[in-house]
C-alpha cells in the first residue's frame, strides 16, 4: 500500500514537472507598464510574436506562437494599435489581438467650424495618414469622431460627410410645413447662417425664425458672416468689416444680393439645422447685439432703431465708440 502511494505520488510529481516544463516553453508576458503596440495590416502571428519579444513584452516568440496554435481561437489577429497593460497574460494579449480591441483616438469638430479649419485640424493630426483637399463647405457634421492610428484622413472625412448627409436627411424629414426653403441644400445654407449669427444655443430657433421671415418676404438677409466668408473662407476676419466689403457684389454677400448665399458659409451643427427646419413662430425681422453675446429682436424698424441706440450706448460705455 505504501509503495503504491509512493509510485502514484511520483507519477503525479512527474506529470506536474512535465506540465511546468511545457508551460515554461510557452513563455510568459512581461508587461511592466501600459504600452502601445501596433500590428500592421497583413501581419502573421509569428511576425507579431517576434515583435512582442523584440519589444520586451513576452519572453518567447516561439512560445507565444505555440500557445496561439494550441489554445487560441480560429479568429485571425487584427491590424491596429492595441493597449497592453501589466497583468495581461499571453492569452489575454492574443484575445485582444483577435477581438480587434484597438485604441480609439478622437478628433472634435466644433459646431460652426468652417471646412478650411477642419482641413487644418485633420492635417495637423500626426496619427492620420494621407493628404486631402479642403472638404466642400457645409459637408462636415460637427461632432466627435473616433479614429485609429494610421487611418487615412480621406476615410475620416467620408465618415464626417456621411454623418452630415444622414443628419440633414433626418431633420428634413421632420421639417415643419411652410418653411421658406425648398430643398435640403437651401436648408443647409440657411442653417450655416444661423450657426454663425448667434453664440447662444437658446437663440437658434429665434434667429432661424427671423431669417426665415426675411427669405419669405424677399428682404435682403444682411448677415455679416456672408460678407466675411468670401474674404477668409470662414476664418476670423480679425478686424471690422470695411464699407467696401459691405458693398462688394459676389455670390455670398447678402448685403448686395436678395435671398440665400450661393453656398454654406460654415459647417452647421445639428441644432442649427433643426432650428431651420422648425423655426420660432415670430414676426421679427431685425436683430442687434445686446452686449451679452445674444441679441435684441424687433418686428419693426422703429423698434430696431431703439435697440440699436441701446447697443451704441453699451459700446460707448465700454469705450468702443
Protein backbone atom coordinates (compact mmCIF):
# COMPACT_ATOMS: atom_id res chain seq x y z
CA UNK A 1 0.00 0.00 0.00
CA UNK A 2 2.76 2.42 0.95
CA UNK A 3 4.74 1.52 -2.16
CA UNK A 4 1.68 2.13 -4.35
CA UNK A 5 1.16 5.51 -2.85
CA UNK A 6 4.79 6.38 -3.45
CA UNK A 7 4.53 5.34 -7.09
CA UNK A 8 1.34 7.34 -7.56
CA UNK A 9 2.90 10.36 -5.88
CA UNK A 10 5.91 10.04 -8.13
CA UNK A 11 3.75 9.90 -11.23
CA UNK A 12 1.83 12.97 -10.11
CA UNK A 13 5.05 14.83 -9.41
CA UNK A 14 6.45 13.78 -12.78
CA UNK A 15 3.28 14.94 -14.54
CA UNK A 16 3.37 18.29 -12.76
CA UNK A 17 7.01 18.69 -13.64
CA UNK A 18 6.21 17.92 -17.25
CA UNK A 19 3.42 20.47 -17.28
CA UNK A 20 5.66 23.08 -15.71
CA UNK A 21 8.37 22.35 -18.27
CA UNK A 22 5.88 22.52 -21.13
CA UNK A 23 4.44 25.74 -19.72
CA UNK A 24 7.93 27.23 -19.45
CA UNK A 25 8.43 26.54 -23.14
CA UNK A 26 5.38 28.68 -23.88
CA UNK A 27 6.94 31.66 -22.13
CA UNK A 28 5.04 34.47 -20.43
CA UNK A 29 4.07 38.10 -20.77
CA UNK A 30 6.38 40.69 -19.22
CA UNK A 31 4.47 43.95 -19.50
CA UNK A 32 5.83 46.39 -16.93
CA UNK A 33 3.66 49.41 -17.81
CA UNK A 34 0.85 50.46 -20.11
CA UNK A 35 2.28 50.03 -23.59
CA UNK A 36 1.02 50.85 -27.07
CA UNK A 37 1.59 48.02 -29.56
CA UNK A 38 0.86 48.33 -33.27
CA UNK A 39 0.10 45.45 -35.63
CA UNK A 40 0.49 46.33 -39.33
CA UNK A 41 -2.03 45.10 -41.87
CA UNK A 42 -1.35 41.55 -43.06
CA UNK A 43 0.94 40.63 -40.16
CA UNK A 44 1.19 36.94 -39.23
CA UNK A 45 1.06 35.52 -35.71
CA UNK A 46 4.76 34.65 -35.86
CA UNK A 47 5.77 38.15 -37.01
CA UNK A 48 3.66 39.68 -34.24
CA UNK A 49 5.23 37.28 -31.72
CA UNK A 50 8.71 38.29 -32.85
CA UNK A 51 7.77 41.96 -32.48
CA UNK A 52 6.39 41.34 -28.97
CA UNK A 53 9.63 39.63 -27.94
CA UNK A 54 11.80 42.31 -29.53
CA UNK A 55 9.92 44.98 -27.58
CA UNK A 56 10.34 43.04 -24.33
CA UNK A 57 6.64 42.30 -23.86
CA UNK A 58 6.93 38.48 -23.85
CA UNK A 59 9.77 36.11 -23.02
CA UNK A 60 9.50 33.79 -26.02
CA UNK A 61 8.20 34.43 -29.54
CA UNK A 62 8.15 30.71 -30.35
CA UNK A 63 6.30 30.02 -27.12
CA UNK A 64 3.68 32.68 -27.91
CA UNK A 65 3.21 31.21 -31.39
CA UNK A 66 2.87 27.70 -29.97
CA UNK A 67 0.35 28.85 -27.36
CA UNK A 68 -1.64 30.61 -30.07
CA UNK A 69 -1.79 27.41 -32.12
CA UNK A 70 -2.76 25.21 -29.16
CA UNK A 71 -5.05 27.46 -27.13
CA UNK A 72 -6.04 30.34 -29.44
CA UNK A 73 -9.31 30.57 -31.33
CA UNK A 74 -9.57 30.33 -35.10
CA UNK A 75 -10.11 34.11 -35.37
CA UNK A 76 -7.31 35.97 -37.15
CA UNK A 77 -5.36 38.71 -35.44
CA UNK A 78 -6.45 42.23 -36.38
CA UNK A 79 -4.37 45.16 -37.56
CA UNK A 80 -4.31 48.31 -35.44
CA UNK A 81 -2.93 49.83 -32.27
CA UNK A 82 -3.52 47.97 -29.01
CA UNK A 83 -3.04 48.89 -25.37
CA UNK A 84 -1.16 46.22 -23.41
CA UNK A 85 -1.30 46.55 -19.63
CA UNK A 86 0.56 44.99 -16.68
CA UNK A 87 -1.11 41.79 -15.55
CA UNK A 88 -2.10 40.68 -19.05
CA UNK A 89 -1.17 37.10 -19.85
CA UNK A 90 -0.15 35.89 -23.27
CA UNK A 91 -3.67 34.55 -23.65
CA UNK A 92 -5.07 37.98 -22.83
CA UNK A 93 -2.80 39.58 -25.41
CA UNK A 94 -3.83 37.10 -28.09
CA UNK A 95 -7.50 37.58 -27.26
CA UNK A 96 -7.12 41.37 -27.57
CA UNK A 97 -5.42 40.97 -30.95
CA UNK A 98 -8.09 38.59 -32.22
CA UNK A 99 -11.02 40.68 -30.97
CA UNK A 100 -9.71 43.87 -32.62
CA UNK A 101 -9.87 45.78 -29.33
CA UNK A 102 -7.82 48.65 -30.74
CA UNK A 103 -7.03 52.01 -29.16
CA UNK A 104 -9.51 54.64 -30.28
CA UNK A 105 -8.46 58.25 -30.52
CA UNK A 106 -10.79 61.17 -31.06
CA UNK A 107 -10.97 64.38 -33.04
CA UNK A 108 -13.64 67.00 -32.32
CA UNK A 109 -15.13 69.30 -34.94
CA UNK A 110 -16.96 72.10 -33.08
CA UNK A 111 -20.25 73.49 -34.34
CA UNK A 112 -19.62 76.23 -36.87
CA UNK A 113 -16.04 75.23 -37.74
CA UNK A 114 -15.50 76.08 -41.43
CA UNK A 115 -14.03 73.48 -43.74
CA UNK A 116 -10.66 75.24 -44.05
CA UNK A 117 -10.18 74.83 -40.28
CA UNK A 118 -11.43 71.24 -40.39
CA UNK A 119 -8.76 70.60 -43.03
CA UNK A 120 -6.08 72.23 -40.89
CA UNK A 121 -7.11 70.19 -37.84
CA UNK A 122 -7.01 66.89 -39.72
CA UNK A 123 -3.73 67.67 -41.46
CA UNK A 124 -2.18 68.51 -38.08
CA UNK A 125 -3.20 65.13 -36.61
CA UNK A 126 0.03 63.16 -36.96
CA UNK A 127 -1.57 59.76 -36.38
CA UNK A 128 -3.72 60.09 -39.52
CA UNK A 129 -2.32 59.35 -42.95
CA UNK A 130 -2.64 60.68 -46.49
CA UNK A 131 -3.42 64.07 -47.96
CA UNK A 132 -6.88 65.55 -48.50
CA UNK A 133 -8.33 68.60 -50.17
CA UNK A 134 -10.38 71.09 -48.17
CA UNK A 135 -13.84 69.46 -47.90
CA UNK A 136 -16.76 71.30 -49.53
CA UNK A 137 -18.22 73.85 -47.12
CA UNK A 138 -21.20 72.51 -45.20
CA UNK A 139 -20.42 68.86 -45.95
CA UNK A 140 -19.00 68.03 -42.48
CA UNK A 141 -21.23 67.34 -39.47
CA UNK A 142 -19.65 68.86 -36.34
CA UNK A 143 -19.20 66.08 -33.77
CA UNK A 144 -16.52 64.00 -32.05
CA UNK A 145 -15.16 61.18 -34.20
CA UNK A 146 -13.09 58.14 -33.24
CA UNK A 147 -10.15 57.08 -35.36
CA UNK A 148 -7.28 54.61 -35.26
CA UNK A 149 -3.56 55.22 -35.67
CA UNK A 150 -2.74 55.03 -39.36
CA UNK A 151 -6.30 55.65 -40.55
CA UNK A 152 -6.50 57.77 -43.69
CA UNK A 153 -7.74 61.33 -43.49
CA UNK A 154 -9.85 60.62 -46.56
CA UNK A 155 -11.79 57.85 -44.78
CA UNK A 156 -12.39 60.08 -41.74
CA UNK A 157 -13.70 62.93 -43.92
CA UNK A 158 -16.01 60.46 -45.67
CA UNK A 159 -17.32 59.39 -42.26
CA UNK A 160 -17.98 63.04 -41.32
CA UNK A 161 -19.72 63.70 -44.62
CA UNK A 162 -21.89 60.60 -44.32
CA UNK A 163 -22.88 61.79 -40.84
CA UNK A 164 -23.92 65.19 -42.28
CA UNK A 165 -25.93 63.57 -45.08
CA UNK A 166 -27.73 61.40 -42.52
CA UNK A 167 -28.41 64.23 -40.06
CA UNK A 168 -29.65 66.58 -42.78
CA UNK A 169 -32.00 63.94 -44.20
CA UNK A 170 -33.35 63.08 -40.74
CA UNK A 171 -34.05 66.72 -39.87
CA UNK A 172 -35.53 67.41 -43.31
CA UNK A 173 -37.98 64.54 -42.79
CA UNK A 174 -39.18 66.29 -39.59
CA UNK A 175 -39.41 69.80 -41.09
CA UNK A 176 -42.40 71.96 -40.29
CA UNK A 177 -44.76 72.70 -43.21
CA UNK A 178 -44.37 76.15 -44.69
CA UNK A 179 -40.68 76.79 -44.02
CA UNK A 180 -39.25 79.10 -46.71
CA UNK A 181 -36.66 76.69 -48.14
CA UNK A 182 -37.49 74.17 -50.84
CA UNK A 183 -34.52 71.81 -50.69
CA UNK A 184 -32.16 70.27 -48.18
CA UNK A 185 -29.36 72.26 -49.80
CA UNK A 186 -31.18 75.54 -49.10
CA UNK A 187 -31.88 74.43 -45.54
CA UNK A 188 -28.17 73.68 -45.07
CA UNK A 189 -27.19 77.13 -46.37
CA UNK A 190 -29.66 78.89 -44.08
CA UNK A 191 -28.53 76.75 -41.13
CA UNK A 192 -24.93 77.84 -41.74
CA UNK A 193 -26.01 81.49 -41.36
CA UNK A 194 -27.93 80.71 -38.18
CA UNK A 195 -24.85 78.93 -36.84
CA UNK A 196 -22.62 81.95 -37.41
CA UNK A 197 -25.12 84.58 -36.24
CA UNK A 198 -25.60 83.53 -32.63
CA UNK A 199 -23.40 82.23 -29.84
CA UNK A 200 -26.37 81.34 -27.64
CA UNK A 201 -28.00 77.95 -28.23
CA UNK A 202 -31.34 79.19 -26.90
CA UNK A 203 -31.45 81.82 -29.67
CA UNK A 204 -31.09 79.46 -32.61
CA UNK A 205 -34.79 79.00 -33.35
CA UNK A 206 -35.44 82.74 -32.97
CA UNK A 207 -32.61 83.62 -35.36
CA UNK A 208 -33.89 80.94 -37.75
CA UNK A 209 -37.37 82.47 -37.48
CA UNK A 210 -36.05 85.95 -38.26
CA UNK A 211 -34.12 84.86 -41.34
CA UNK A 212 -36.99 82.67 -42.45
CA UNK A 213 -39.19 85.77 -42.38
CA UNK A 214 -36.66 87.68 -44.47
CA UNK A 215 -36.39 84.91 -47.03
CA UNK A 216 -40.18 84.61 -47.19
CA UNK A 217 -40.76 88.34 -47.70
CA UNK A 218 -37.88 88.86 -50.14
CA UNK A 219 -35.83 91.08 -47.83
CA UNK A 220 -32.07 91.01 -48.01
CA UNK A 221 -30.72 88.83 -45.23
CA UNK A 222 -27.91 91.30 -44.42
CA UNK A 223 -25.96 88.72 -42.43
CA UNK A 224 -22.45 89.97 -41.63
CA UNK A 225 -20.82 86.50 -41.84
CA UNK A 226 -21.79 86.33 -45.52
CA UNK A 227 -19.61 89.40 -46.12
CA UNK A 228 -16.65 87.78 -44.39
CA UNK A 229 -16.82 84.31 -45.94
CA UNK A 230 -15.57 85.22 -49.44
CA UNK A 231 -12.66 87.07 -47.85
CA UNK A 232 -11.43 84.47 -45.34
CA UNK A 233 -13.28 81.24 -46.28
CA UNK A 234 -14.67 81.17 -42.77
CA UNK A 235 -11.64 82.13 -40.73
CA UNK A 236 -11.98 85.09 -38.35
CA UNK A 237 -11.59 88.44 -40.10
CA UNK A 238 -9.69 89.92 -37.18
CA UNK A 239 -10.87 93.47 -37.81
CA UNK A 240 -14.01 95.47 -38.51
CA UNK A 241 -15.74 94.99 -41.84
CA UNK A 242 -14.94 97.75 -44.33
CA UNK A 243 -17.58 99.70 -46.22
CA UNK A 244 -16.09 98.46 -49.49
CA UNK A 245 -16.61 94.86 -48.30
CA UNK A 246 -20.21 95.57 -47.33
CA UNK A 247 -20.78 96.89 -50.87
CA UNK A 248 -18.97 94.00 -52.58
CA UNK A 249 -21.02 92.08 -55.12
CA UNK A 250 -20.45 88.32 -55.11
CA UNK A 251 -22.30 85.08 -54.62
CA UNK A 252 -22.25 85.27 -50.82
CA UNK A 253 -22.72 88.87 -49.69
CA UNK A 254 -26.34 89.16 -48.55
CA UNK A 255 -25.99 92.95 -48.26
CA UNK A 256 -25.89 93.18 -52.07
CA UNK A 257 -28.00 90.21 -53.12
CA UNK A 258 -31.52 89.06 -52.29
CA UNK A 259 -32.00 85.54 -51.00
CA UNK A 260 -29.56 82.91 -49.79
CA UNK A 261 -25.83 82.84 -50.50
CA UNK A 262 -24.69 80.52 -53.26
CA UNK A 263 -23.44 78.02 -50.69
CA UNK A 264 -22.95 77.35 -46.97
CA UNK A 265 -20.60 79.66 -45.07
CA UNK A 266 -19.61 77.09 -42.44
CA UNK A 267 -20.40 73.57 -41.22
CA UNK A 268 -23.56 73.98 -39.12
CA UNK A 269 -24.29 71.72 -36.19
CA UNK A 270 -27.35 69.56 -35.93
CA UNK A 271 -29.08 72.04 -33.59
CA UNK A 272 -28.86 74.85 -36.15
CA UNK A 273 -30.15 72.54 -38.87
CA UNK A 274 -33.05 71.54 -36.63
CA UNK A 275 -33.77 75.22 -35.90
CA UNK A 276 -34.15 75.98 -39.61
CA UNK A 277 -36.49 73.02 -40.01
CA UNK A 278 -38.62 74.24 -37.10
CA UNK A 279 -38.04 77.99 -36.68
CA UNK A 280 -39.60 80.13 -33.98
CA UNK A 281 -43.04 81.44 -34.91
CA UNK A 282 -42.14 85.13 -34.71
CA UNK A 283 -42.72 88.37 -36.54
CA UNK A 284 -39.13 89.51 -36.00
CA UNK A 285 -37.29 90.97 -38.98
CA UNK A 286 -34.42 92.76 -37.21
CA UNK A 287 -31.84 91.97 -34.57
CA UNK A 288 -28.89 93.70 -32.97
CA UNK A 289 -26.35 92.62 -30.36
CA UNK A 290 -27.39 93.11 -26.74
CA UNK A 291 -23.90 93.15 -25.23
CA UNK A 292 -24.14 89.70 -23.65
CA UNK A 293 -23.43 87.56 -26.70
CA UNK A 294 -27.10 87.49 -27.59
CA UNK A 295 -29.46 89.79 -29.47
CA UNK A 296 -32.47 92.05 -29.17
CA UNK A 297 -35.12 91.20 -31.73
CA UNK A 298 -37.64 93.56 -33.30
CA UNK A 299 -40.63 93.28 -35.60
CA UNK A 300 -40.46 96.87 -36.86
CA UNK A 301 -37.73 99.25 -37.97
CA UNK A 302 -38.66 101.72 -35.24
CA UNK A 303 -38.19 99.05 -32.55
CA UNK A 304 -34.94 98.02 -34.17
CA UNK A 305 -33.60 101.57 -34.21
CA UNK A 306 -34.34 101.87 -30.48
CA UNK A 307 -32.43 98.62 -29.88
CA UNK A 308 -29.52 99.90 -31.98
CA UNK A 309 -29.41 103.04 -29.82
CA UNK A 310 -29.18 100.88 -26.71
CA UNK A 311 -26.36 98.86 -28.27
CA UNK A 312 -24.45 102.02 -29.17
CA UNK A 313 -24.83 103.24 -25.57
CA UNK A 314 -23.30 99.99 -24.33
CA UNK A 315 -20.41 100.33 -26.74
CA UNK A 316 -19.79 103.91 -25.64
CA UNK A 317 -19.70 102.79 -22.01
CA UNK A 318 -17.11 100.19 -22.99
CA UNK A 319 -15.02 102.79 -24.79
CA UNK A 320 -15.57 101.13 -28.17
CA UNK A 321 -17.07 104.28 -29.76
